[in-house]
Every structure is written in C-alpha cells, then in structure tokens.
C-alpha cells in the first residue's frame, strides 16, 4: 500500500505554495484540492475527502464551462465518497450530474 501520510505531506506543501502564489480560483488550486481529497479518500477519511473534493468543485464551478469533463470527474469523486458512506441518495445525485455531462460530451 501507499504511504498516504507522506503523500498528504507533499500535497499539502504544494497547496501552500499554490495558495501563496496563485489567484484563489486558479485551476491548479482545484487540482491540488482534488489530490488531497483523493489521499483522504484512500485513507478512508471520507469527511476530509469531501471537504477537499468540494473545494475543488467550487473552483471548477466558477472557472469551467458547465459541461467540462473535469466537473464530471469531481461530481464522480464526490458521489463515490457518498457511496462509501452509504449515503446513496446523495451519491446518486452526484453520479447523475456526472452522467449528464458525459452524455453531452462523450461520443455515443
């Protein structure tokens, strides 16, 4: 298995650099939040994973077009966490958003 605490340490260092040097809605910040969320997700800390996935989604929602594939990925990540938490109606809500974007943007 991976060394999640070490991964988290380095992702948090990168985030601090981005927060000091980039505007608050920069796409690299969203990527950094997503990466940290992913580590927490793999660690089973779903509350922290959601916190960071939602921060990424907030930036993406402001900076990307409504059918952008990165939004679909973020919705899917959040849906997956709700699924793991057995909050199936919330999971379905986010999976549905993912599907709608994919139906519009992916070839048949």
N, C-alpha and C. Protein backbone atom coordinates (compact mmCIF):
# COMPACT_ATOMS: atom_id res chain seq x y z
N UNK A 1 0.83 -1.19 0.00
CA UNK A 1 0.00 0.00 0.00
C UNK A 1 0.87 1.25 0.00
N UNK A 2 0.24 2.34 -0.36
CA UNK A 2 0.96 3.59 -0.45
C UNK A 2 1.18 4.23 0.91
N UNK A 3 2.13 5.10 0.94
CA UNK A 3 2.43 5.86 2.16
C UNK A 3 1.60 7.14 2.10
N UNK A 4 0.36 7.02 2.57
CA UNK A 4 -0.59 8.13 2.44
C UNK A 4 -0.18 9.34 3.26
N UNK A 5 0.40 9.13 4.41
CA UNK A 5 0.80 10.29 5.22
C UNK A 5 1.90 11.09 4.51
N UNK A 6 2.79 10.40 3.84
CA UNK A 6 3.84 11.08 3.08
C UNK A 6 3.25 11.79 1.86
N UNK A 7 2.33 11.12 1.19
CA UNK A 7 1.67 11.76 0.04
C UNK A 7 0.93 13.01 0.49
N UNK A 8 0.23 12.90 1.61
CA UNK A 8 -0.51 14.05 2.13
C UNK A 8 0.42 15.20 2.46
N UNK A 9 1.55 14.87 3.06
CA UNK A 9 2.54 15.90 3.42
C UNK A 9 2.98 16.69 2.19
N UNK A 10 3.29 15.98 1.12
CA UNK A 10 3.78 16.66 -0.08
C UNK A 10 2.66 17.42 -0.81
N UNK A 11 1.49 16.85 -0.84
CA UNK A 11 0.36 17.57 -1.47
C UNK A 11 0.04 18.84 -0.69
N UNK A 12 0.12 18.78 0.63
CA UNK A 12 -0.15 19.98 1.44
C UNK A 12 0.93 21.03 1.24
N UNK A 13 2.18 20.61 1.07
CA UNK A 13 3.25 21.58 0.77
C UNK A 13 2.98 22.27 -0.57
N UNK A 14 2.58 21.49 -1.56
CA UNK A 14 2.28 22.07 -2.87
C UNK A 14 1.11 23.04 -2.75
N UNK A 15 0.09 22.66 -1.99
CA UNK A 15 -1.07 23.54 -1.81
C UNK A 15 -0.67 24.87 -1.19
N UNK A 16 0.19 24.84 -0.18
CA UNK A 16 0.62 26.08 0.46
C UNK A 16 1.34 26.99 -0.53
N UNK A 17 2.15 26.42 -1.40
CA UNK A 17 2.83 27.21 -2.42
C UNK A 17 1.81 27.82 -3.38
N UNK A 18 0.86 27.00 -3.83
CA UNK A 18 -0.18 27.50 -4.75
C UNK A 18 -1.01 28.60 -4.10
N UNK A 19 -1.36 28.42 -2.85
CA UNK A 19 -2.19 29.42 -2.16
C UNK A 19 -1.46 30.76 -2.04
N UNK A 20 -0.13 30.72 -1.92
CA UNK A 20 0.64 31.95 -1.81
C UNK A 20 0.90 32.61 -3.15
N UNK A 21 0.90 31.82 -4.23
CA UNK A 21 1.37 32.36 -5.50
C UNK A 21 0.31 32.47 -6.59
N UNK A 22 -0.84 31.85 -6.38
CA UNK A 22 -1.86 31.84 -7.42
C UNK A 22 -3.13 32.55 -6.97
N UNK A 23 -3.91 33.04 -7.92
CA UNK A 23 -5.20 33.62 -7.56
C UNK A 23 -6.12 32.54 -6.96
N UNK A 24 -7.09 32.95 -6.16
CA UNK A 24 -7.90 31.98 -5.40
C UNK A 24 -8.74 31.01 -6.24
N UNK A 25 -9.00 31.33 -7.50
CA UNK A 25 -9.78 30.42 -8.34
C UNK A 25 -8.95 29.76 -9.44
N UNK A 26 -7.66 29.67 -9.24
CA UNK A 26 -6.78 29.09 -10.26
C UNK A 26 -7.02 27.58 -10.36
N UNK A 27 -7.04 27.05 -11.59
CA UNK A 27 -7.26 25.61 -11.78
C UNK A 27 -6.26 24.71 -11.05
N UNK A 28 -5.03 25.17 -10.87
CA UNK A 28 -4.05 24.35 -10.15
C UNK A 28 -4.43 24.18 -8.69
N UNK A 29 -5.10 25.16 -8.12
CA UNK A 29 -5.61 25.01 -6.75
C UNK A 29 -6.67 23.92 -6.71
N UNK A 30 -7.56 23.91 -7.69
CA UNK A 30 -8.59 22.87 -7.75
C UNK A 30 -7.94 21.49 -7.85
N UNK A 31 -6.92 21.38 -8.69
CA UNK A 31 -6.21 20.10 -8.83
C UNK A 31 -5.57 19.68 -7.51
N UNK A 32 -4.97 20.63 -6.82
CA UNK A 32 -4.34 20.35 -5.54
C UNK A 32 -5.37 19.89 -4.51
N UNK A 33 -6.50 20.60 -4.43
CA UNK A 33 -7.56 20.18 -3.51
C UNK A 33 -8.06 18.78 -3.86
N UNK A 34 -8.20 18.52 -5.14
CA UNK A 34 -8.64 17.19 -5.57
C UNK A 34 -7.64 16.11 -5.17
N UNK A 35 -6.36 16.39 -5.35
CA UNK A 35 -5.33 15.42 -4.98
C UNK A 35 -5.36 15.11 -3.48
N UNK A 36 -5.51 16.13 -2.68
CA UNK A 36 -5.58 15.93 -1.23
C UNK A 36 -6.85 15.15 -0.88
N UNK A 37 -7.95 15.49 -1.52
CA UNK A 37 -9.19 14.75 -1.31
C UNK A 37 -9.01 13.28 -1.64
N UNK A 38 -8.30 12.99 -2.70
CA UNK A 38 -8.07 11.61 -3.11
C UNK A 38 -7.27 10.84 -2.07
N UNK A 39 -6.27 11.48 -1.49
CA UNK A 39 -5.48 10.81 -0.45
C UNK A 39 -6.36 10.49 0.75
N UNK A 40 -7.15 11.48 1.18
CA UNK A 40 -8.06 11.23 2.31
C UNK A 40 -9.06 10.13 1.96
N UNK A 41 -9.52 10.12 0.73
CA UNK A 41 -10.46 9.08 0.27
C UNK A 41 -9.82 7.70 0.42
N UNK A 42 -8.59 7.57 -0.06
CA UNK A 42 -7.88 6.29 0.05
C UNK A 42 -7.60 5.90 1.50
N UNK A 43 -7.46 6.90 2.36
CA UNK A 43 -7.23 6.63 3.79
C UNK A 43 -8.52 6.26 4.52
N UNK A 44 -9.65 6.47 3.86
CA UNK A 44 -10.93 6.18 4.49
C UNK A 44 -11.47 7.32 5.33
N UNK A 45 -10.85 8.49 5.23
CA UNK A 45 -11.34 9.67 5.96
C UNK A 45 -12.27 10.43 5.01
N UNK A 46 -13.51 9.97 4.95
CA UNK A 46 -14.43 10.46 3.95
C UNK A 46 -14.88 11.90 4.20
N UNK A 47 -14.96 12.31 5.43
CA UNK A 47 -15.33 13.69 5.72
C UNK A 47 -14.28 14.66 5.17
N UNK A 48 -13.01 14.34 5.40
CA UNK A 48 -11.95 15.20 4.88
C UNK A 48 -11.89 15.12 3.35
N UNK A 49 -12.12 13.93 2.81
CA UNK A 49 -12.13 13.79 1.36
C UNK A 49 -13.19 14.69 0.75
N UNK A 50 -14.40 14.65 1.31
CA UNK A 50 -15.47 15.51 0.81
C UNK A 50 -15.12 16.98 0.92
N UNK A 51 -14.52 17.36 2.03
CA UNK A 51 -14.14 18.76 2.23
C UNK A 51 -13.25 19.25 1.08
N UNK A 52 -12.27 18.44 0.71
CA UNK A 52 -11.33 18.86 -0.33
C UNK A 52 -11.91 18.69 -1.72
N UNK A 53 -12.67 17.63 -1.95
CA UNK A 53 -13.33 17.48 -3.25
C UNK A 53 -14.30 18.63 -3.50
N UNK A 54 -14.99 19.07 -2.47
CA UNK A 54 -15.94 20.18 -2.62
C UNK A 54 -15.22 21.50 -2.87
N UNK A 55 -14.05 21.69 -2.27
CA UNK A 55 -13.27 22.89 -2.56
C UNK A 55 -12.84 22.91 -4.03
N UNK A 56 -12.43 21.75 -4.53
CA UNK A 56 -12.04 21.67 -5.94
C UNK A 56 -13.24 21.97 -6.83
N UNK A 57 -14.39 21.40 -6.50
CA UNK A 57 -15.59 21.61 -7.30
C UNK A 57 -16.02 23.07 -7.29
N UNK A 58 -15.87 23.73 -6.17
CA UNK A 58 -16.25 25.15 -6.08
C UNK A 58 -15.44 25.99 -7.07
N UNK A 59 -14.15 25.74 -7.13
CA UNK A 59 -13.29 26.47 -8.08
C UNK A 59 -13.67 26.11 -9.52
N UNK A 60 -13.83 24.82 -9.77
CA UNK A 60 -14.16 24.39 -11.12
C UNK A 60 -15.51 24.96 -11.57
N UNK A 61 -16.46 25.02 -10.66
CA UNK A 61 -17.77 25.57 -10.99
C UNK A 61 -17.71 27.03 -11.40
N UNK A 62 -16.73 27.75 -10.88
CA UNK A 62 -16.57 29.17 -11.22
C UNK A 62 -15.73 29.38 -12.48
N UNK A 63 -14.87 28.44 -12.80
CA UNK A 63 -13.89 28.69 -13.85
C UNK A 63 -14.06 27.84 -15.11
N UNK A 64 -14.88 26.82 -15.04
CA UNK A 64 -15.04 25.93 -16.19
C UNK A 64 -16.45 26.02 -16.77
N UNK A 65 -16.59 25.71 -18.06
CA UNK A 65 -17.93 25.64 -18.63
C UNK A 65 -18.73 24.51 -17.96
N UNK A 66 -20.06 24.61 -17.98
CA UNK A 66 -20.89 23.68 -17.21
C UNK A 66 -20.81 22.21 -17.62
N UNK A 67 -20.33 21.93 -18.82
CA UNK A 67 -20.23 20.53 -19.26
C UNK A 67 -18.79 20.05 -19.38
N UNK A 68 -17.90 20.70 -18.66
CA UNK A 68 -16.48 20.34 -18.74
C UNK A 68 -16.24 18.97 -18.09
N UNK A 69 -15.40 18.12 -18.72
CA UNK A 69 -15.12 16.79 -18.16
C UNK A 69 -14.54 16.80 -16.74
N UNK A 70 -13.81 17.86 -16.39
CA UNK A 70 -13.27 17.93 -15.02
C UNK A 70 -14.38 18.05 -13.99
N UNK A 71 -15.46 18.73 -14.36
CA UNK A 71 -16.62 18.80 -13.46
C UNK A 71 -17.22 17.41 -13.28
N UNK A 72 -17.31 16.66 -14.37
CA UNK A 72 -17.83 15.29 -14.27
C UNK A 72 -16.97 14.45 -13.33
N UNK A 73 -15.66 14.60 -13.44
CA UNK A 73 -14.76 13.85 -12.55
C UNK A 73 -14.97 14.23 -11.09
N UNK A 74 -15.12 15.52 -10.85
CA UNK A 74 -15.34 15.97 -9.47
C UNK A 74 -16.67 15.47 -8.92
N UNK A 75 -17.72 15.55 -9.75
CA UNK A 75 -19.01 15.02 -9.31
C UNK A 75 -18.90 13.53 -9.01
N UNK A 76 -18.16 12.82 -9.85
CA UNK A 76 -17.99 11.39 -9.64
C UNK A 76 -17.22 11.10 -8.35
N UNK A 77 -16.17 11.87 -8.08
CA UNK A 77 -15.41 11.68 -6.84
C UNK A 77 -16.29 11.88 -5.62
N UNK A 78 -17.09 12.93 -5.65
CA UNK A 78 -17.98 13.21 -4.52
C UNK A 78 -19.04 12.12 -4.39
N UNK A 79 -19.60 11.71 -5.52
CA UNK A 79 -20.57 10.62 -5.50
C UNK A 79 -19.99 9.36 -4.92
N UNK A 80 -18.76 9.06 -5.27
CA UNK A 80 -18.09 7.86 -4.77
C UNK A 80 -17.93 7.89 -3.25
N UNK A 81 -17.60 9.05 -2.72
CA UNK A 81 -17.45 9.18 -1.27
C UNK A 81 -18.79 8.97 -0.58
N UNK A 82 -19.83 9.59 -1.11
CA UNK A 82 -21.16 9.38 -0.52
C UNK A 82 -21.57 7.91 -0.61
N UNK A 83 -21.21 7.25 -1.70
CA UNK A 83 -21.49 5.83 -1.86
C UNK A 83 -20.79 5.03 -0.76
N UNK A 84 -19.53 5.33 -0.50
CA UNK A 84 -18.76 4.64 0.54
C UNK A 84 -19.32 4.91 1.93
N UNK A 85 -19.94 6.09 2.09
CA UNK A 85 -20.55 6.44 3.37
C UNK A 85 -21.98 5.89 3.50
N UNK A 86 -22.41 5.14 2.48
CA UNK A 86 -23.77 4.57 2.43
C UNK A 86 -24.85 5.66 2.41
N UNK A 87 -24.50 6.83 1.87
CA UNK A 87 -25.47 7.90 1.68
C UNK A 87 -25.86 7.86 0.19
N UNK A 88 -26.68 6.86 -0.11
CA UNK A 88 -26.92 6.51 -1.50
C UNK A 88 -27.70 7.56 -2.29
N UNK A 89 -28.62 8.25 -1.65
CA UNK A 89 -29.37 9.26 -2.40
C UNK A 89 -28.46 10.42 -2.79
N UNK A 90 -27.53 10.81 -1.91
CA UNK A 90 -26.58 11.86 -2.27
C UNK A 90 -25.61 11.36 -3.34
N UNK A 91 -25.19 10.11 -3.21
CA UNK A 91 -24.29 9.53 -4.22
C UNK A 91 -24.96 9.56 -5.58
N UNK A 92 -26.21 9.14 -5.63
CA UNK A 92 -26.94 9.11 -6.89
C UNK A 92 -27.08 10.50 -7.49
N UNK A 93 -27.30 11.49 -6.66
CA UNK A 93 -27.41 12.87 -7.13
C UNK A 93 -26.14 13.30 -7.87
N UNK A 94 -24.98 12.97 -7.30
CA UNK A 94 -23.72 13.36 -7.93
C UNK A 94 -23.38 12.47 -9.12
N UNK A 95 -23.69 11.18 -9.04
CA UNK A 95 -23.48 10.31 -10.19
C UNK A 95 -24.35 10.75 -11.37
N UNK A 96 -25.56 11.22 -11.08
CA UNK A 96 -26.45 11.69 -12.14
C UNK A 96 -25.86 12.92 -12.83
N UNK A 97 -25.27 13.83 -12.05
CA UNK A 97 -24.62 15.00 -12.65
C UNK A 97 -23.45 14.57 -13.54
N UNK A 98 -22.71 13.58 -13.09
CA UNK A 98 -21.60 13.04 -13.88
C UNK A 98 -22.12 12.50 -15.20
N UNK A 99 -23.15 11.68 -15.11
CA UNK A 99 -23.72 11.05 -16.31
C UNK A 99 -24.22 12.08 -17.31
N UNK A 100 -24.89 13.12 -16.82
CA UNK A 100 -25.43 14.14 -17.73
C UNK A 100 -24.32 14.84 -18.51
N UNK A 101 -23.23 15.14 -17.84
CA UNK A 101 -22.10 15.76 -18.54
C UNK A 101 -21.50 14.79 -19.55
N UNK A 102 -21.31 13.55 -19.13
CA UNK A 102 -20.71 12.57 -20.03
C UNK A 102 -21.59 12.31 -21.24
N UNK A 103 -22.89 12.28 -21.07
CA UNK A 103 -23.79 12.07 -22.20
C UNK A 103 -23.70 13.22 -23.20
N UNK A 104 -23.44 14.42 -22.72
CA UNK A 104 -23.35 15.58 -23.60
C UNK A 104 -21.98 15.70 -24.27
N UNK A 105 -20.95 15.21 -23.61
CA UNK A 105 -19.59 15.49 -24.10
C UNK A 105 -18.87 14.29 -24.70
N UNK A 106 -19.27 13.08 -24.37
CA UNK A 106 -18.57 11.92 -24.90
C UNK A 106 -19.28 11.40 -26.15
N UNK A 107 -18.52 10.81 -27.05
CA UNK A 107 -19.17 10.24 -28.24
C UNK A 107 -20.07 9.06 -27.84
N UNK A 108 -21.09 8.79 -28.66
CA UNK A 108 -22.01 7.68 -28.33
C UNK A 108 -21.35 6.32 -28.37
